[in-house]
Amino acid sequence: MGFDEIIKAVRVQLKMTQEQLARGLNISFSTLNRWENGRTIPSKLAKMRLVEYCIQSDIDEAIILYLREL
């Protein structure tokens, strides 16, 4: 599973739009859109922030494990 698929799975599980998730992560919509469309990948800091957000949001543990491995 690639990062683009993981970020989409997180968003779908939370029933959020890209804009809503971007706001929750305190990043721009265009950044999230590029991640989800596989055009760019996040920095280590951004990945850690996403893991923390997923833990706080009760995301499926399997998704969190995938994120930590990337």
Protein backbone atom coordinates (compact mmCIF):
# COMPACT_ATOMS: atom_id res chain seq x y z
CA MET A 1 0.00 0.00 0.00
CA GLY A 2 1.49 3.34 -1.04
CA PHE A 3 1.23 6.61 0.81
CA ASP A 4 -1.38 7.88 -1.66
CA GLU A 5 -3.63 4.92 -0.85
CA ILE A 6 -3.07 5.29 2.88
CA ILE A 7 -3.95 8.98 2.96
CA LYS A 8 -7.12 8.26 1.00
CA ALA A 9 -8.02 5.38 3.36
CA VAL A 10 -7.58 7.72 6.34
CA ARG A 11 -9.78 10.33 4.73
CA VAL A 12 -12.48 7.83 3.77
CA GLN A 13 -12.49 6.25 7.23
CA LEU A 14 -12.94 9.69 8.78
CA LYS A 15 -15.61 10.57 6.18
CA MET A 16 -13.81 13.81 5.35
CA THR A 17 -13.14 15.75 2.19
CA GLN A 18 -9.57 16.55 1.22
CA GLU A 19 -10.16 20.10 2.37
CA GLN A 20 -11.40 19.02 5.80
CA LEU A 21 -8.48 16.66 6.37
CA ALA A 22 -6.01 19.29 5.19
CA ARG A 23 -7.45 21.72 7.74
CA GLY A 24 -7.20 19.08 10.46
CA LEU A 25 -3.54 18.49 9.62
CA ASN A 26 -2.87 22.22 9.30
CA ILE A 27 -1.64 21.88 5.71
CA SER A 28 -2.91 23.31 2.44
CA PHE A 29 -5.53 21.55 0.35
CA SER A 30 -3.10 21.45 -2.59
CA THR A 31 -0.47 19.66 -0.47
CA LEU A 32 -2.95 16.99 0.61
CA ASN A 33 -4.22 16.68 -2.95
CA ARG A 34 -0.67 16.11 -4.26
CA TRP A 35 -0.08 13.45 -1.59
CA GLU A 36 -3.32 11.65 -2.37
CA ASN A 37 -2.70 11.75 -6.11
CA GLY A 38 0.83 10.39 -5.70
CA ARG A 39 2.56 13.50 -7.07
CA THR A 40 4.57 14.14 -3.90
CA ILE A 41 5.28 12.44 -0.60
CA PRO A 42 5.34 14.13 2.78
CA SER A 43 8.42 14.88 4.85
CA LYS A 44 9.18 12.78 7.92
CA LEU A 45 7.76 15.55 10.11
CA ALA A 46 4.51 15.62 8.13
CA LYS A 47 4.24 11.82 8.34
CA MET A 48 4.73 11.96 12.13
CA ARG A 49 2.04 14.64 12.36
CA LEU A 50 -0.30 12.44 10.30
CA VAL A 51 0.37 9.43 12.57
CA GLU A 52 -0.43 11.53 15.64
CA TYR A 53 -3.62 12.81 13.99
CA CYS A 54 -4.66 9.25 13.13
CA ILE A 55 -4.06 8.05 16.68
CA GLN A 56 -6.16 10.91 18.08
CA SER A 57 -8.90 10.21 15.52
CA ASP A 58 -9.12 6.47 16.30
CA ILE A 59 -8.05 5.35 12.84
CA ASP A 60 -7.68 1.62 12.23
CA GLU A 61 -4.40 0.40 13.77
CA ALA A 62 -3.40 -1.33 10.51
CA ILE A 63 -3.36 2.03 8.72
CA ILE A 64 -1.23 3.55 11.47
CA LEU A 65 1.24 0.68 11.16
CA TYR A 66 1.50 1.23 7.40
CA LEU A 67 2.18 4.91 8.00
CA ARG A 68 4.91 4.19 10.51
CA GLU A 69 6.63 1.83 8.05
CA LEU A 70 6.80 4.41 5.27
